[in-house]
């Protein structure tokens, strides 16, 4: 099944995802530096994020989990030239690579990369920080419940919050799997259920070149 999913993603990409020199350059540089690409979103997933931003005329984006900044490029390309992205990466080596890719891209949008634990950086933001229009969470899964609450504090009515990797090939259904990452996702689902600050939410399973996983999407009340 995995080979078919990968082939189908390639088919989708060849028909619907235009080649972009910035995205190609980002992947190439990441590979040359010896980092795997499995931590990045697939191109068709990147396009979905881009479309959500475009459909809602977003200008301010928050990203938790930068890795090599491939997803950051997708988010930035959807913004107007005066758009702003705050992207946070916890690993020094990943942040250094991401900054190289950001610098190489020379995009007009402001991309503010900060290195450190996401929760600590979010809590340290000034109280008058302007709310974000779109938030993409793709960081350590055990912290998803904490990140959700912190991001809600940085949202306004209509903000879209997307959380990646919330299915984990069905591991969330296995009661014997007590890994912190899996428990974190389960707690995230419980937190989103009937949350007083969320207007509506859902989760979608995905299969493709990245295997069997999924997104959770919430619209802030």
N, C-alpha and C. Protein backbone atom coordinates (compact mmCIF):
# COMPACT_ATOMS: atom_id res chain seq x y z
N UNK A 1 0.82 -1.21 0.00
CA UNK A 1 0.00 0.00 0.00
C UNK A 1 0.86 1.26 0.00
N UNK A 2 1.97 1.23 0.74
CA UNK A 2 2.80 2.42 0.82
C UNK A 2 3.30 2.86 -0.55
N UNK A 3 3.69 1.89 -1.38
CA UNK A 3 4.19 2.27 -2.70
C UNK A 3 3.10 2.91 -3.54
N UNK A 4 1.87 2.39 -3.43
CA UNK A 4 0.77 2.98 -4.17
C UNK A 4 0.48 4.39 -3.67
N UNK A 5 0.50 4.58 -2.36
CA UNK A 5 0.26 5.92 -1.80
C UNK A 5 1.31 6.90 -2.30
N UNK A 6 2.57 6.46 -2.32
CA UNK A 6 3.66 7.32 -2.79
C UNK A 6 3.49 7.65 -4.26
N UNK A 7 3.13 6.63 -5.05
CA UNK A 7 2.93 6.85 -6.49
C UNK A 7 1.76 7.80 -6.74
N UNK A 8 0.71 7.69 -5.95
CA UNK A 8 -0.44 8.58 -6.11
C UNK A 8 -0.08 10.02 -5.76
N UNK A 9 0.72 10.20 -4.71
CA UNK A 9 1.19 11.55 -4.38
C UNK A 9 1.99 12.12 -5.55
N UNK A 10 2.85 11.29 -6.14
CA UNK A 10 3.64 11.75 -7.28
C UNK A 10 2.73 12.13 -8.45
N UNK A 11 1.66 11.37 -8.65
CA UNK A 11 0.69 11.66 -9.72
C UNK A 11 0.00 13.01 -9.46
N UNK A 12 -0.44 13.19 -8.21
CA UNK A 12 -1.08 14.46 -7.84
C UNK A 12 -0.13 15.63 -8.06
N UNK A 13 1.10 15.46 -7.58
CA UNK A 13 2.09 16.54 -7.70
C UNK A 13 2.35 16.89 -9.16
N UNK A 14 2.44 15.87 -10.02
CA UNK A 14 2.78 16.12 -11.42
C UNK A 14 1.67 16.86 -12.14
N UNK A 15 0.43 16.73 -11.68
CA UNK A 15 -0.69 17.38 -12.34
C UNK A 15 -1.10 18.70 -11.70
N UNK A 16 -1.01 18.78 -10.37
CA UNK A 16 -1.63 19.90 -9.66
C UNK A 16 -0.68 20.81 -8.91
N UNK A 17 0.55 20.38 -8.69
CA UNK A 17 1.48 21.18 -7.89
C UNK A 17 2.56 21.74 -8.80
N UNK A 18 2.50 23.02 -9.14
CA UNK A 18 3.52 23.60 -10.03
C UNK A 18 4.91 23.54 -9.41
N UNK A 19 5.90 23.35 -10.23
CA UNK A 19 7.27 23.39 -9.73
C UNK A 19 7.62 24.82 -9.33
N UNK A 20 8.34 24.93 -8.25
CA UNK A 20 8.72 26.24 -7.74
C UNK A 20 10.20 26.21 -7.40
N UNK A 21 10.99 27.12 -7.94
CA UNK A 21 12.44 27.06 -7.71
C UNK A 21 12.83 27.23 -6.25
N UNK A 22 12.07 27.99 -5.49
CA UNK A 22 12.38 28.19 -4.08
C UNK A 22 12.18 26.89 -3.29
N UNK A 23 11.06 26.23 -3.55
CA UNK A 23 10.79 24.97 -2.86
C UNK A 23 11.79 23.89 -3.28
N UNK A 24 12.10 23.85 -4.57
CA UNK A 24 13.08 22.88 -5.07
C UNK A 24 14.44 23.13 -4.45
N UNK A 25 14.83 24.39 -4.37
CA UNK A 25 16.12 24.76 -3.78
C UNK A 25 16.17 24.38 -2.31
N UNK A 26 15.06 24.57 -1.60
CA UNK A 26 15.02 24.24 -0.18
C UNK A 26 15.22 22.75 0.04
N UNK A 27 14.54 21.93 -0.74
CA UNK A 27 14.70 20.48 -0.62
C UNK A 27 16.11 20.04 -1.00
N UNK A 28 16.65 20.64 -2.05
CA UNK A 28 17.99 20.27 -2.52
C UNK A 28 19.04 20.61 -1.46
N UNK A 29 18.96 21.80 -0.91
CA UNK A 29 19.93 22.22 0.10
C UNK A 29 19.82 21.36 1.36
N UNK A 30 18.59 21.02 1.73
CA UNK A 30 18.38 20.17 2.89
C UNK A 30 19.03 18.81 2.68
N UNK A 31 18.85 18.25 1.48
CA UNK A 31 19.46 16.95 1.16
C UNK A 31 20.99 17.05 1.14
N UNK A 32 21.50 18.12 0.58
CA UNK A 32 22.96 18.30 0.51
C UNK A 32 23.58 18.42 1.90
N UNK A 33 22.82 18.94 2.85
CA UNK A 33 23.32 19.06 4.22
C UNK A 33 23.16 17.75 5.00
N UNK A 34 22.60 16.73 4.36
CA UNK A 34 22.50 15.42 4.98
C UNK A 34 21.29 15.19 5.85
N UNK A 35 20.26 16.03 5.69
CA UNK A 35 19.04 15.87 6.48
C UNK A 35 17.98 15.15 5.65
N UNK A 36 17.22 14.23 6.25
CA UNK A 36 16.15 13.53 5.51
C UNK A 36 14.97 14.45 5.27
N UNK A 37 14.19 14.14 4.24
CA UNK A 37 13.04 14.99 3.94
C UNK A 37 11.74 14.48 4.56
N UNK A 38 11.81 13.35 5.30
CA UNK A 38 10.57 12.78 5.82
C UNK A 38 9.94 13.63 6.92
N UNK A 39 10.72 14.57 7.47
CA UNK A 39 10.17 15.45 8.51
C UNK A 39 9.42 16.64 7.93
N UNK A 40 9.49 16.83 6.63
CA UNK A 40 8.80 17.95 5.98
C UNK A 40 7.43 17.51 5.48
N UNK A 41 6.54 18.46 5.28
CA UNK A 41 5.23 18.14 4.70
C UNK A 41 5.41 17.72 3.25
N UNK A 42 4.49 16.91 2.76
CA UNK A 42 4.49 16.56 1.34
C UNK A 42 4.03 17.77 0.53
N UNK A 43 4.42 17.86 -0.74
CA UNK A 43 4.03 19.01 -1.55
C UNK A 43 2.52 19.24 -1.61
N UNK A 44 1.73 18.18 -1.76
CA UNK A 44 0.28 18.38 -1.82
C UNK A 44 -0.28 18.85 -0.48
N UNK A 45 0.37 18.47 0.63
CA UNK A 45 -0.03 18.98 1.93
C UNK A 45 0.36 20.45 2.08
N UNK A 46 1.55 20.79 1.57
CA UNK A 46 1.97 22.18 1.58
C UNK A 46 1.00 23.06 0.81
N UNK A 47 0.53 22.56 -0.32
CA UNK A 47 -0.44 23.31 -1.11
C UNK A 47 -1.75 23.50 -0.36
N UNK A 48 -2.17 22.49 0.40
CA UNK A 48 -3.38 22.63 1.20
C UNK A 48 -3.22 23.76 2.22
N UNK A 49 -2.08 23.80 2.90
CA UNK A 49 -1.83 24.88 3.86
C UNK A 49 -1.85 26.23 3.16
N UNK A 50 -1.22 26.29 1.99
CA UNK A 50 -1.18 27.53 1.23
C UNK A 50 -2.59 27.99 0.86
N UNK A 51 -3.42 27.06 0.43
CA UNK A 51 -4.79 27.40 0.03
C UNK A 51 -5.62 27.89 1.21
N UNK A 52 -5.44 27.29 2.38
CA UNK A 52 -6.18 27.74 3.56
C UNK A 52 -5.82 29.18 3.91
N UNK A 53 -4.56 29.51 3.77
CA UNK A 53 -4.12 30.89 4.02
C UNK A 53 -4.70 31.84 2.98
N UNK A 54 -4.65 31.43 1.72
CA UNK A 54 -5.16 32.28 0.65
C UNK A 54 -6.66 32.48 0.76
N UNK A 55 -7.40 31.44 1.08
CA UNK A 55 -8.86 31.52 1.16
C UNK A 55 -9.31 32.46 2.27
N UNK A 56 -8.47 32.64 3.26
CA UNK A 56 -8.86 33.44 4.41
C UNK A 56 -8.08 34.75 4.51
N UNK A 57 -7.35 35.09 3.42
CA UNK A 57 -6.62 36.37 3.34
C UNK A 57 -5.78 36.64 4.59
N UNK A 58 -5.05 35.62 5.01
CA UNK A 58 -4.23 35.74 6.22
C UNK A 58 -2.99 36.60 5.95
N UNK A 59 -2.55 37.30 6.99
CA UNK A 59 -1.32 38.12 6.88
C UNK A 59 -0.30 37.75 7.95
N UNK A 60 -0.77 37.21 9.07
CA UNK A 60 0.13 36.84 10.16
C UNK A 60 0.02 35.34 10.44
N UNK A 61 1.15 34.67 10.41
CA UNK A 61 1.18 33.21 10.55
C UNK A 61 2.14 32.84 11.67
N UNK A 62 1.74 31.84 12.45
CA UNK A 62 2.59 31.27 13.49
C UNK A 62 2.82 29.80 13.15
N UNK A 63 4.08 29.38 13.17
CA UNK A 63 4.43 27.98 12.89
C UNK A 63 5.25 27.43 14.05
N UNK A 64 4.82 26.31 14.60
CA UNK A 64 5.58 25.62 15.64
C UNK A 64 6.19 24.37 15.03
N UNK A 65 7.52 24.35 14.93
CA UNK A 65 8.21 23.23 14.31
C UNK A 65 8.65 23.58 12.90
N UNK A 66 9.82 24.15 12.77
CA UNK A 66 10.30 24.66 11.48
C UNK A 66 10.99 23.60 10.65
N UNK A 67 11.74 22.72 11.31
CA UNK A 67 12.66 21.79 10.68
C UNK A 67 13.53 22.55 9.69
N UNK A 68 13.44 22.26 8.38
CA UNK A 68 14.31 22.90 7.39
C UNK A 68 13.64 24.08 6.69
N UNK A 69 12.46 24.47 7.18
CA UNK A 69 11.70 25.62 6.65
C UNK A 69 11.02 25.34 5.32
N UNK A 70 10.86 24.06 4.95
CA UNK A 70 10.13 23.75 3.72
C UNK A 70 8.65 24.14 3.87
N UNK A 71 8.03 23.73 4.98
CA UNK A 71 6.64 24.14 5.20
C UNK A 71 6.54 25.65 5.35
N UNK A 72 7.57 26.25 5.94
CA UNK A 72 7.59 27.71 6.10
C UNK A 72 7.51 28.41 4.74
N UNK A 73 8.20 27.84 3.74
CA UNK A 73 8.16 28.42 2.39
C UNK A 73 6.74 28.36 1.81
N UNK A 74 6.07 27.24 2.03
CA UNK A 74 4.68 27.13 1.55
C UNK A 74 3.81 28.18 2.22
N UNK A 75 3.98 28.36 3.53
CA UNK A 75 3.18 29.34 4.25
C UNK A 75 3.48 30.76 3.77
N UNK A 76 4.75 31.06 3.59
CA UNK A 76 5.15 32.41 3.19
C UNK A 76 4.65 32.76 1.79
N UNK A 77 4.72 31.79 0.88
CA UNK A 77 4.32 32.06 -0.50
C UNK A 77 2.84 32.41 -0.61
N UNK A 78 2.06 32.04 0.40
CA UNK A 78 0.63 32.34 0.37
C UNK A 78 0.30 33.72 0.89
N UNK A 79 1.28 34.38 1.50
CA UNK A 79 1.03 35.67 2.14
C UNK A 79 1.30 36.83 1.19
N UNK A 80 0.69 37.99 1.46
CA UNK A 80 1.07 39.20 0.71
C UNK A 80 2.50 39.58 1.06
N UNK A 81 3.07 40.48 0.29
CA UNK A 81 4.48 40.85 0.50
C UNK A 81 4.75 41.42 1.88
N UNK A 82 3.75 42.02 2.51
CA UNK A 82 3.94 42.56 3.85
C UNK A 82 3.52 41.56 4.94
N UNK A 83 3.39 40.29 4.56
CA UNK A 83 3.01 39.26 5.53
C UNK A 83 4.14 38.95 6.49
N UNK A 84 3.76 38.31 7.61
CA UNK A 84 4.73 38.01 8.68
C UNK A 84 4.54 36.58 9.16
N UNK A 85 5.65 35.87 9.33
CA UNK A 85 5.63 34.52 9.90
C UNK A 85 6.58 34.48 11.09
N UNK A 86 6.07 34.02 12.22
CA UNK A 86 6.92 33.65 13.35
C UNK A 86 7.01 32.14 13.35
N UNK A 87 8.19 31.59 13.14
CA UNK A 87 8.38 30.14 13.12
C UNK A 87 9.38 29.76 14.20
N UNK A 88 9.06 28.71 14.95
CA UNK A 88 9.85 28.33 16.12
C UNK A 88 10.34 26.90 15.96
N UNK A 89 11.64 26.70 16.18
CA UNK A 89 12.27 25.38 16.06
C UNK A 89 13.06 25.08 17.34
N UNK A 90 12.89 23.88 17.85
CA UNK A 90 13.52 23.53 19.11
C UNK A 90 14.95 23.03 19.01
N UNK A 91 15.36 22.54 17.85
CA UNK A 91 16.70 21.97 17.71
C UNK A 91 17.64 22.95 17.01
N UNK A 92 18.80 23.13 17.61
CA UNK A 92 19.77 24.09 17.07
C UNK A 92 20.17 23.75 15.64
N UNK A 93 20.44 22.45 15.38
CA UNK A 93 20.89 22.05 14.04
C UNK A 93 19.81 22.30 13.00
N UNK A 94 18.57 22.02 13.35
CA UNK A 94 17.47 22.26 12.43
C UNK A 94 17.27 23.76 12.19
N UNK A 95 17.38 24.53 13.27
CA UNK A 95 17.19 25.98 13.15
C UNK A 95 18.26 26.60 12.26
N UNK A 96 19.49 26.12 12.38
CA UNK A 96 20.58 26.65 11.55
C UNK A 96 20.33 26.34 10.09
N UNK A 97 19.90 25.11 9.80
CA UNK A 97 19.58 24.74 8.42
C UNK A 97 18.40 25.56 7.90
N UNK A 98 17.38 25.71 8.72
CA UNK A 98 16.21 26.49 8.32
C UNK A 98 16.58 27.92 7.98
N UNK A 99 17.45 28.52 8.79
CA UNK A 99 17.85 29.90 8.53
C UNK A 99 18.60 30.01 7.21
N UNK A 100 19.42 29.02 6.90
CA UNK A 100 20.12 29.02 5.61
C UNK A 100 19.10 28.97 4.47
N UNK A 101 18.10 28.11 4.59
CA UNK A 101 17.09 28.00 3.54
C UNK A 101 16.26 29.27 3.42
N UNK A 102 15.96 29.88 4.55
CA UNK A 102 15.21 31.15 4.54
C UNK A 102 16.02 32.25 3.87
N UNK A 103 17.29 32.33 4.22
CA UNK A 103 18.16 33.35 3.63
C UNK A 103 18.31 33.13 2.13
N UNK A 104 18.44 31.88 1.72
CA UNK A 104 18.60 31.57 0.29
C UNK A 104 17.35 31.92 -0.51
N UNK A 105 16.20 31.81 0.13
CA UNK A 105 14.93 32.03 -0.59
C UNK A 105 14.72 33.50 -0.95
N UNK A 106 15.21 34.40 -0.10
CA UNK A 106 15.07 35.85 -0.34
C UNK A 106 13.62 36.26 -0.62
N UNK A 107 12.71 35.74 0.19
CA UNK A 107 11.30 36.07 0.03
C UNK A 107 11.02 37.47 0.60
N UNK A 108 10.04 38.17 0.03
CA UNK A 108 9.74 39.52 0.54
C UNK A 108 9.05 39.51 1.90
N UNK A 109 8.37 38.43 2.22
CA UNK A 109 7.68 38.36 3.50
C UNK A 109 8.70 38.28 4.65
N UNK A 110 8.31 38.77 5.80
CA UNK A 110 9.17 38.70 6.98
C UNK A 110 9.04 37.32 7.61
N UNK A 111 10.14 36.59 7.70
CA UNK A 111 10.16 35.27 8.35
C UNK A 111 11.06 35.38 9.57
N UNK A 112 10.45 35.34 10.73
CA UNK A 112 11.13 35.52 12.01
C UNK A 112 11.33 34.13 12.64
N UNK A 113 12.54 33.58 12.49
CA UNK A 113 12.86 32.27 13.02
C UNK A 113 13.47 32.41 14.41
N UNK A 114 12.90 31.69 15.36
CA UNK A 114 13.43 31.70 16.72
C UNK A 114 13.68 30.26 17.16
N UNK A 115 14.77 30.05 17.88
CA UNK A 115 15.17 28.72 18.31
C UNK A 115 14.96 28.59 19.82
N UNK A 116 14.28 27.52 20.21
CA UNK A 116 14.03 27.28 21.63
C UNK A 116 12.77 26.46 21.79
N UNK A 117 12.42 26.17 23.01
CA UNK A 117 11.19 25.42 23.26
C UNK A 117 9.99 26.30 22.91
N UNK A 118 9.10 25.76 22.11
CA UNK A 118 7.99 26.56 21.60
C UNK A 118 7.20 27.22 22.72
N UNK A 119 6.87 26.46 23.76
CA UNK A 119 6.05 27.01 24.84
C UNK A 119 6.75 28.18 25.53
N UNK A 120 8.05 28.05 25.74
CA UNK A 120 8.79 29.12 26.40
C UNK A 120 8.80 30.39 25.56
N UNK A 121 9.00 30.23 24.26
CA UNK A 121 9.03 31.40 23.37
C UNK A 121 7.66 32.05 23.28
N UNK A 122 6.61 31.25 23.20
CA UNK A 122 5.25 31.81 23.12
C UNK A 122 4.90 32.57 24.40
N UNK A 123 5.28 32.01 25.55
CA UNK A 123 4.97 32.68 26.82
C UNK A 123 5.76 33.98 26.98
N UNK A 124 6.91 34.05 26.32
CA UNK A 124 7.76 35.24 26.44
C UNK A 124 7.36 36.36 25.48
N UNK A 125 6.42 36.10 24.59
CA UNK A 125 5.99 37.15 23.66
C UNK A 125 5.33 38.29 24.43
N UNK A 126 5.50 39.52 23.98
CA UNK A 126 4.87 40.66 24.66
C UNK A 126 3.35 40.50 24.74
N UNK A 127 2.76 41.05 25.77
CA UNK A 127 1.31 40.95 25.95
C UNK A 127 0.54 41.59 24.81
N UNK A 128 1.14 42.57 24.17
CA UNK A 128 0.44 43.27 23.08
C UNK A 128 0.73 42.67 21.71
N UNK A 129 1.26 41.44 21.69
CA UNK A 129 1.52 40.78 20.40
C UNK A 129 0.21 40.64 19.62
N UNK A 130 0.25 41.07 18.38
CA UNK A 130 -0.95 40.99 17.54
C UNK A 130 -1.31 39.53 17.28
N UNK A 131 -2.60 39.24 17.29
CA UNK A 131 -3.06 37.87 17.09
C UNK A 131 -2.68 37.37 15.69
N UNK A 132 -2.54 36.05 15.59
CA UNK A 132 -2.20 35.42 14.31
C UNK A 132 -3.48 34.97 13.60
N UNK A 133 -3.41 35.00 12.28
CA UNK A 133 -4.56 34.60 11.46
C UNK A 133 -4.56 33.10 11.16
N UNK A 134 -3.37 32.51 11.12
CA UNK A 134 -3.22 31.10 10.78
C UNK A 134 -2.09 30.51 11.61
N UNK A 135 -2.32 29.34 12.17
CA UNK A 135 -1.32 28.69 13.02
C UNK A 135 -1.14 27.25 12.58
N UNK A 136 0.11 26.87 12.36
CA UNK A 136 0.44 25.50 11.95
C UNK A 136 1.33 24.89 13.03
N UNK A 137 0.86 23.81 13.63
CA UNK A 137 1.58 23.14 14.71
C UNK A 137 2.10 21.80 14.21
N UNK A 138 3.41 21.67 14.16
CA UNK A 138 4.05 20.45 13.69
C UNK A 138 5.34 20.25 14.49
N UNK A 139 5.18 20.21 15.81
CA UNK A 139 6.32 20.10 16.71
C UNK A 139 6.17 18.84 17.56
N UNK A 140 6.78 18.80 18.73
CA UNK A 140 6.74 17.60 19.58
C UNK A 140 5.30 17.31 20.00
N UNK A 141 4.87 16.10 19.72
CA UNK A 141 3.46 15.74 19.86
C UNK A 141 3.01 15.70 21.32
N UNK A 142 3.92 15.36 22.24
CA UNK A 142 3.50 15.29 23.64
C UNK A 142 3.08 16.65 24.18
N UNK A 143 3.50 17.71 23.50
CA UNK A 143 3.17 19.07 23.95
C UNK A 143 1.97 19.66 23.22
N UNK A 144 1.32 18.91 22.37
CA UNK A 144 0.20 19.46 21.60
C UNK A 144 -0.90 20.07 22.47
N UNK A 145 -1.30 19.45 23.58
CA UNK A 145 -2.33 20.10 24.40
C UNK A 145 -1.89 21.47 24.91
N UNK A 146 -0.64 21.56 25.35
CA UNK A 146 -0.11 22.84 25.83
C UNK A 146 -0.04 23.85 24.70
N UNK A 147 0.44 23.42 23.54
CA UNK A 147 0.56 24.33 22.39
C UNK A 147 -0.82 24.83 21.96
N UNK A 148 -1.81 23.96 22.00
CA UNK A 148 -3.16 24.36 21.60
C UNK A 148 -3.65 25.52 22.45
N UNK A 149 -3.49 25.41 23.76
CA UNK A 149 -3.96 26.47 24.65
C UNK A 149 -3.18 27.76 24.45
N UNK A 150 -1.87 27.65 24.30
CA UNK A 150 -1.05 28.84 24.09
C UNK A 150 -1.41 29.52 22.77
N UNK A 151 -1.68 28.72 21.75
CA UNK A 151 -2.02 29.29 20.45
C UNK A 151 -3.41 29.93 20.46
N UNK A 152 -4.32 29.36 21.23
CA UNK A 152 -5.63 29.99 21.36
C UNK A 152 -5.51 31.38 21.98
N UNK A 153 -4.55 31.54 22.88
CA UNK A 153 -4.32 32.85 23.49
C UNK A 153 -3.76 33.87 22.50
N UNK A 154 -3.20 33.37 21.40
CA UNK A 154 -2.60 34.24 20.38
C UNK A 154 -3.48 34.29 19.12
N UNK A 155 -4.74 33.94 19.28
CA UNK A 155 -5.67 33.89 18.15
C UNK A 155 -6.75 34.96 18.28
N UNK A 156 -7.48 35.15 17.19
CA UNK A 156 -8.67 35.98 17.19
C UNK A 156 -9.82 35.16 16.62
N UNK A 157 -11.01 35.68 16.68
CA UNK A 157 -12.14 34.98 16.09
C UNK A 157 -11.89 34.76 14.60
N UNK A 158 -11.95 33.52 14.17
CA UNK A 158 -11.70 33.19 12.77
C UNK A 158 -10.31 32.65 12.50
N UNK A 159 -9.41 32.69 13.48
CA UNK A 159 -8.08 32.10 13.29
C UNK A 159 -8.22 30.60 13.02
N UNK A 160 -7.41 30.12 12.08
CA UNK A 160 -7.38 28.70 11.74
C UNK A 160 -6.15 28.08 12.39
N UNK A 161 -6.35 26.97 13.10
CA UNK A 161 -5.26 26.24 13.71
C UNK A 161 -5.20 24.84 13.09
N UNK A 162 -4.06 24.48 12.52
CA UNK A 162 -3.87 23.17 11.92
C UNK A 162 -2.79 22.44 12.70
N UNK A 163 -3.08 21.23 13.15
CA UNK A 163 -2.12 20.40 13.87
C UNK A 163 -1.80 19.18 13.01
N UNK A 164 -0.52 18.94 12.78
CA UNK A 164 -0.09 17.86 11.89
C UNK A 164 0.22 16.59 12.69
N UNK A 165 0.17 15.47 11.99
CA UNK A 165 0.59 14.16 12.53
C UNK A 165 -0.24 13.74 13.74
N UNK A 166 -1.56 13.73 13.58
CA UNK A 166 -2.43 13.41 14.72
C UNK A 166 -3.05 12.02 14.65
N UNK A 167 -2.69 11.22 13.64
CA UNK A 167 -3.24 9.87 13.51
C UNK A 167 -2.18 8.81 13.80
N UNK A 168 -0.97 9.04 13.34
CA UNK A 168 0.18 8.18 13.63
C UNK A 168 -0.09 6.72 13.27
N UNK A 169 -0.57 6.51 12.03
CA UNK A 169 -0.83 5.16 11.52
C UNK A 169 -1.78 4.37 12.43
N UNK A 170 -2.68 5.07 13.09
CA UNK A 170 -3.66 4.43 13.95
C UNK A 170 -3.19 4.13 15.35
N UNK A 171 -1.98 4.53 15.70
CA UNK A 171 -1.45 4.21 17.03
C UNK A 171 -2.27 4.85 18.15
N UNK A 172 -2.99 5.91 17.85
CA UNK A 172 -3.80 6.56 18.90
C UNK A 172 -4.93 5.64 19.38
N UNK A 173 -5.27 4.62 18.59
CA UNK A 173 -6.33 3.68 18.97
C UNK A 173 -5.82 2.51 19.80
N UNK A 174 -4.52 2.35 19.87
CA UNK A 174 -3.93 1.21 20.59
C UNK A 174 -3.78 1.56 22.07
N UNK A 175 -4.61 0.97 22.95
CA UNK A 175 -4.55 1.34 24.37
C UNK A 175 -3.23 0.95 25.04
N UNK A 176 -2.49 0.04 24.43
CA UNK A 176 -1.21 -0.38 25.00
C UNK A 176 -0.07 0.58 24.64
N UNK A 177 -0.32 1.47 23.70
CA UNK A 177 0.70 2.44 23.31
C UNK A 177 0.62 3.64 24.24
N UNK A 178 1.59 3.73 25.14
CA UNK A 178 1.60 4.80 26.14
C UNK A 178 2.73 5.80 25.89
N UNK A 179 3.25 5.82 24.66
CA UNK A 179 4.32 6.77 24.36
C UNK A 179 3.83 8.20 24.64
N UNK A 180 4.71 9.07 25.14
CA UNK A 180 4.31 10.45 25.41
C UNK A 180 3.72 11.15 24.19
N UNK A 181 4.28 10.85 23.01
CA UNK A 181 3.76 11.51 21.80
C UNK A 181 2.32 11.09 21.52
N UNK A 182 2.02 9.80 21.71
CA UNK A 182 0.67 9.30 21.46
C UNK A 182 -0.29 9.81 22.53
N UNK A 183 0.14 9.78 23.78
CA UNK A 183 -0.70 10.28 24.86
C UNK A 183 -0.99 11.77 24.67
N UNK A 184 0.01 12.51 24.17
CA UNK A 184 -0.20 13.92 23.92
C UNK A 184 -1.27 14.18 22.88
N UNK A 185 -1.26 13.37 21.82
CA UNK A 185 -2.27 13.53 20.77
C UNK A 185 -3.66 13.18 21.30
N UNK A 186 -3.75 12.10 22.09
CA UNK A 186 -5.05 11.73 22.67
C UNK A 186 -5.58 12.86 23.56
N UNK A 187 -4.70 13.44 24.36
CA UNK A 187 -5.12 14.54 25.22
C UNK A 187 -5.55 15.75 24.40
N UNK A 188 -4.88 15.96 23.26
CA UNK A 188 -5.25 17.05 22.36
C UNK A 188 -6.67 16.86 21.84
N UNK A 189 -7.01 15.61 21.44
CA UNK A 189 -8.37 15.34 20.96
C UNK A 189 -9.39 15.60 22.06
N UNK A 190 -9.08 15.19 23.29
CA UNK A 190 -10.00 15.43 24.39
C UNK A 190 -10.16 16.93 24.66
N UNK A 191 -9.06 17.67 24.53
CA UNK A 191 -9.12 19.11 24.77
C UNK A 191 -9.94 19.83 23.71
N UNK A 192 -9.83 19.38 22.46
CA UNK A 192 -10.56 20.04 21.38
C UNK A 192 -12.05 19.75 21.44
N UNK A 193 -12.42 18.62 22.02
CA UNK A 193 -13.82 18.23 22.08
C UNK A 193 -14.61 19.20 22.96
N UNK A 194 -15.55 19.91 22.36
CA UNK A 194 -16.40 20.87 23.08
C UNK A 194 -15.59 21.98 23.77
N UNK A 195 -14.46 22.34 23.18
CA UNK A 195 -13.64 23.41 23.76
C UNK A 195 -14.41 24.73 23.67
N UNK A 196 -14.50 25.48 24.76
CA UNK A 196 -15.30 26.70 24.74
C UNK A 196 -14.77 27.80 23.83
N UNK A 197 -13.52 27.69 23.38
CA UNK A 197 -12.94 28.74 22.53
C UNK A 197 -12.83 28.30 21.08
N UNK A 198 -13.33 27.11 20.76
CA UNK A 198 -13.27 26.61 19.39
C UNK A 198 -14.68 26.55 18.81
N UNK A 199 -14.87 27.21 17.66
CA UNK A 199 -16.17 27.22 17.02
C UNK A 199 -16.50 25.87 16.41
N UNK A 200 -15.53 25.31 15.67
CA UNK A 200 -15.71 24.00 15.06
C UNK A 200 -14.35 23.39 14.82
N UNK A 201 -14.31 22.06 14.74
CA UNK A 201 -13.05 21.37 14.52
C UNK A 201 -13.30 19.99 13.94
N UNK A 202 -12.28 19.46 13.30
CA UNK A 202 -12.35 18.11 12.76
C UNK A 202 -10.94 17.58 12.60
N UNK A 203 -10.84 16.33 12.20
CA UNK A 203 -9.54 15.74 11.86
C UNK A 203 -9.73 14.89 10.62
N UNK A 204 -8.72 14.87 9.77
CA UNK A 204 -8.76 14.13 8.52
C UNK A 204 -7.58 13.18 8.46
N UNK A 205 -7.85 11.91 8.16
CA UNK A 205 -6.78 10.97 7.90
C UNK A 205 -6.15 11.27 6.54
N UNK A 206 -4.85 11.08 6.46
CA UNK A 206 -4.16 11.22 5.18
C UNK A 206 -3.29 9.99 4.93
N UNK A 207 -3.21 9.59 3.67
CA UNK A 207 -2.24 8.58 3.26
C UNK A 207 -1.49 9.14 2.06
N UNK A 208 -0.22 8.78 1.95
CA UNK A 208 0.58 9.29 0.85
C UNK A 208 2.03 8.97 1.07
N UNK A 209 2.88 9.79 0.49
CA UNK A 209 4.32 9.55 0.58
C UNK A 209 4.83 9.60 2.01
N UNK A 210 4.07 10.24 2.90
CA UNK A 210 4.48 10.32 4.31
C UNK A 210 3.83 9.24 5.15
N UNK A 211 3.17 8.28 4.51
CA UNK A 211 2.54 7.19 5.24
C UNK A 211 1.11 7.53 5.65
N UNK A 212 0.63 6.88 6.71
CA UNK A 212 -0.74 7.05 7.19
C UNK A 212 -0.71 7.97 8.40
N UNK A 213 -1.31 9.13 8.26
CA UNK A 213 -1.32 10.10 9.36
C UNK A 213 -2.53 11.00 9.18
N UNK A 214 -2.44 12.26 9.61
CA UNK A 214 -3.59 13.13 9.44
C UNK A 214 -3.40 14.50 10.05
N UNK A 215 -4.35 15.38 9.75
CA UNK A 215 -4.39 16.75 10.27
C UNK A 215 -5.60 16.90 11.18
N UNK A 216 -5.47 17.72 12.21
CA UNK A 216 -6.61 18.25 12.94
C UNK A 216 -6.72 19.73 12.62
N UNK A 217 -7.93 20.21 12.43
CA UNK A 217 -8.15 21.61 12.03
C UNK A 217 -9.20 22.21 12.96
N UNK A 218 -8.90 23.39 13.50
CA UNK A 218 -9.84 24.07 14.39
C UNK A 218 -10.04 25.50 13.92
N UNK A 219 -11.26 25.98 14.07
CA UNK A 219 -11.62 27.37 13.78
C UNK A 219 -11.95 28.04 15.11
N UNK A 220 -11.25 29.11 15.41
CA UNK A 220 -11.41 29.77 16.71
C UNK A 220 -12.72 30.55 16.74
N UNK A 221 -13.42 30.43 17.87
CA UNK A 221 -14.73 31.08 18.05
C UNK A 221 -14.56 32.61 18.15
